[in-house]
Amino acid sequence: MTQPAPLKLDLYLPYLINRAGVSLAARFGAALRQADVTLQDWRVLAALREHDSQRLTELAVRTSIEVSTLSRLVGGLEASGLVSRSRDSDDARAIAIRLTADGAAATATLIPAAQSLEREALAGLNEEEITTLKNLLNRIYDNMAAQPPIAGDAPPIGSAGKTR
């Protein structure tokens, strides 16, 4: 039987993406702890700041958080006074999730740290490289979202969109 080629971990894409993501999350952790929110909470708050009044399913696509997990997160954010839930004005059967004033304020305090982190991570790259990198990461995500789920795993949620 033929042996597979050795895996060079420092050139293996999933490892590289995970390593970069873990490093970014760790560096952002201090700001998140100060605001008393988790990384997943931040994704919800940031998504709502960008597009307020979203249904749970829309928010799941924007944040790549599975709906049942997201429902629990939103419940905790609501209990903390950072988001509210109310009937959607366009569809009385649907529930819209919105940032509260406290949620908007908490998100606004985190944005400078998030932007600083992005600048640090992209240091040394020019604008064209940054745009290319973001487009490539979105394409990788879309490629994975298009794959059939592996038994027992939830598929990637939605499409991350394109950077222009």
Protein backbone atom coordinates (compact mmCIF):
# COMPACT_ATOMS: atom_id res chain seq x y z
CA MET A 1 0.00 0.00 0.00
CA THR A 2 1.31 3.44 -0.93
CA GLN A 3 2.05 5.75 1.96
CA PRO A 4 0.54 9.24 1.75
CA ALA A 5 2.93 12.14 1.38
CA PRO A 6 3.97 13.53 4.74
CA LEU A 7 1.78 16.36 5.97
CA LYS A 8 3.70 19.58 6.44
CA LEU A 9 1.70 21.18 9.21
CA ASP A 10 3.18 24.64 8.70
CA LEU A 11 1.89 24.57 5.09
CA TYR A 12 -1.47 22.89 5.77
CA LEU A 13 -4.33 25.36 5.15
CA PRO A 14 -6.73 24.28 7.94
CA TYR A 15 -3.86 24.49 10.44
CA LEU A 16 -2.79 27.92 9.20
CA ILE A 17 -6.34 29.31 9.33
CA ASN A 18 -6.92 27.87 12.80
CA ARG A 19 -3.58 29.14 14.09
CA ALA A 20 -4.29 32.66 12.83
CA GLY A 21 -7.85 32.57 14.20
CA VAL A 22 -6.79 31.35 17.63
CA SER A 23 -4.12 34.05 17.82
CA LEU A 24 -6.58 36.78 16.80
CA ALA A 25 -9.22 35.57 19.26
CA ALA A 26 -6.70 35.42 22.09
CA ARG A 27 -5.53 38.99 21.44
CA PHE A 28 -9.14 40.24 21.31
CA GLY A 29 -9.98 38.36 24.51
CA ALA A 30 -8.93 41.10 26.92
CA ALA A 31 -11.27 43.63 25.31
CA LEU A 32 -14.09 41.07 25.30
CA ARG A 33 -13.58 40.22 28.97
CA GLN A 34 -13.65 43.90 29.87
CA ALA A 35 -17.01 44.24 28.09
CA ASP A 36 -18.16 40.95 29.69
CA VAL A 37 -19.01 39.32 26.35
CA THR A 38 -17.77 36.19 24.59
CA LEU A 39 -16.36 36.00 21.08
CA GLN A 40 -19.67 34.56 19.84
CA ASP A 41 -21.56 37.36 21.64
CA TRP A 42 -19.33 39.87 19.84
CA ARG A 43 -20.17 38.34 16.46
CA VAL A 44 -23.87 38.70 17.22
CA LEU A 45 -23.50 42.28 18.47
CA ALA A 46 -21.32 43.30 15.52
CA ALA A 47 -23.73 41.70 13.03
CA LEU A 48 -26.67 43.54 14.61
CA ARG A 49 -24.75 46.82 14.62
CA GLU A 50 -24.16 46.42 10.89
CA HIS A 51 -27.73 45.26 10.11
CA ASP A 52 -30.09 45.84 13.03
CA SER A 53 -33.42 44.04 13.35
CA GLN A 54 -32.62 40.57 12.07
CA ARG A 55 -34.49 37.31 12.39
CA LEU A 56 -32.68 34.45 14.07
CA THR A 57 -32.15 32.61 10.77
CA GLU A 58 -30.67 35.72 9.13
CA LEU A 59 -28.42 36.27 12.12
CA ALA A 60 -27.29 32.63 11.98
CA VAL A 61 -26.12 33.11 8.38
CA ARG A 62 -24.30 36.37 9.17
CA THR A 63 -22.54 34.97 12.24
CA SER A 64 -22.03 31.33 11.15
CA ILE A 65 -23.54 30.23 14.45
CA GLU A 66 -25.94 27.25 14.41
CA VAL A 67 -29.55 28.35 15.09
CA SER A 68 -30.07 26.45 18.36
CA THR A 69 -26.76 27.74 19.75
CA LEU A 70 -27.59 31.23 18.54
CA SER A 71 -31.00 31.10 20.20
CA ARG A 72 -29.33 30.41 23.57
CA LEU A 73 -26.77 33.17 22.95
CA VAL A 74 -29.48 35.67 22.11
CA GLY A 75 -31.34 34.65 25.27
CA GLY A 76 -28.25 35.43 27.34
CA LEU A 77 -27.66 38.72 25.54
CA GLU A 78 -31.30 39.63 26.12
CA ALA A 79 -31.00 38.79 29.83
CA SER A 80 -27.91 41.04 29.94
CA GLY A 81 -29.89 43.87 28.35
CA LEU A 82 -27.74 43.98 25.20
CA VAL A 83 -30.39 42.85 22.70
CA SER A 84 -34.16 42.77 22.58
CA ARG A 85 -36.63 40.53 20.79
CA SER A 86 -39.94 41.73 19.41
CA ARG A 87 -42.41 40.93 16.67
CA ASP A 88 -41.10 41.79 13.21
CA SER A 89 -42.96 44.75 11.71
CA ASP A 90 -43.04 43.02 8.30
CA ASP A 91 -44.20 39.61 9.57
CA ALA A 92 -46.05 39.37 12.89
CA ARG A 93 -45.18 35.65 13.10
CA ALA A 94 -41.45 36.37 13.07
CA ILE A 95 -39.27 37.65 15.89
CA ALA A 96 -36.79 40.46 15.18
CA ILE A 97 -33.62 40.76 17.23
CA ARG A 98 -32.29 44.26 17.81
CA LEU A 99 -29.48 45.92 19.71
CA THR A 100 -30.56 47.84 22.78
CA ALA A 101 -28.92 51.16 23.67
CA ASP A 102 -26.66 49.24 26.09
CA GLY A 103 -25.83 46.72 23.36
CA ALA A 104 -24.97 49.49 20.90
CA ALA A 105 -22.76 51.16 23.52
CA ALA A 106 -20.96 47.90 24.38
CA THR A 107 -20.39 47.19 20.69
CA ALA A 108 -19.11 50.72 20.08
CA THR A 109 -16.53 50.31 22.86
CA LEU A 110 -15.24 47.09 21.25
CA ILE A 111 -14.97 48.38 17.68
CA PRO A 112 -11.70 50.31 18.19
CA ALA A 113 -10.06 47.18 19.66
CA ALA A 114 -11.38 45.08 16.76
CA GLN A 115 -10.10 47.58 14.20
CA SER A 116 -6.72 47.80 15.92
CA LEU A 117 -6.46 44.01 15.93
CA GLU A 118 -7.20 43.89 12.21
CA ARG A 119 -4.54 46.54 11.51
CA GLU A 120 -1.99 44.54 13.54
CA ALA A 121 -2.87 41.31 11.74
CA LEU A 122 -2.63 42.91 8.29
CA ALA A 123 0.56 44.88 8.95
CA GLY A 124 2.90 44.78 5.98
CA LEU A 125 0.18 43.92 3.46
CA ASN A 126 -0.86 46.47 0.85
CA GLU A 127 -4.51 47.23 0.01
CA GLU A 128 -4.55 44.86 -2.96
CA GLU A 129 -3.16 42.01 -0.85
CA ILE A 130 -5.69 42.71 1.89
CA THR A 131 -8.59 42.66 -0.57
CA THR A 132 -7.26 39.49 -2.18
CA LEU A 133 -6.81 37.78 1.19
CA LYS A 134 -10.36 38.64 2.29
CA ASN A 135 -11.82 37.51 -1.03
CA LEU A 136 -9.88 34.24 -0.86
CA LEU A 137 -11.06 33.56 2.71
CA ASN A 138 -14.65 34.19 1.61
CA ARG A 139 -14.15 31.82 -1.34
CA ILE A 140 -12.74 29.13 0.96
CA TYR A 141 -15.76 29.54 3.24
CA ASP A 142 -18.15 29.33 0.27
CA ASN A 143 -16.33 26.21 -0.98
CA MET A 144 -16.81 24.55 2.40
CA ALA A 145 -20.46 25.68 2.65
CA ALA A 146 -21.11 24.00 -0.70
CA GLN A 147 -19.81 20.62 0.54
CA PRO A 148 -22.21 18.00 1.87
CA PRO A 149 -22.10 17.75 5.66
CA ILE A 150 -20.00 15.06 7.26
CA ALA A 151 -22.12 12.66 9.33
CA GLY A 152 -22.64 14.14 12.78
CA ASP A 153 -21.40 17.62 11.85
CA ALA A 154 -23.44 20.71 11.15
CA PRO A 155 -22.73 22.21 7.71
CA PRO A 156 -21.29 25.71 7.41
CA ILE A 157 -24.09 28.22 7.62
CA GLY A 158 -24.75 30.44 4.61
CA SER A 159 -22.25 32.44 2.67
CA ALA A 160 -19.82 34.93 4.12
CA GLY A 161 -20.18 37.32 1.20
CA LYS A 162 -17.57 39.02 -0.91
CA THR A 163 -15.16 41.81 -0.14
CA ARG A 164 -14.87 44.47 -2.77
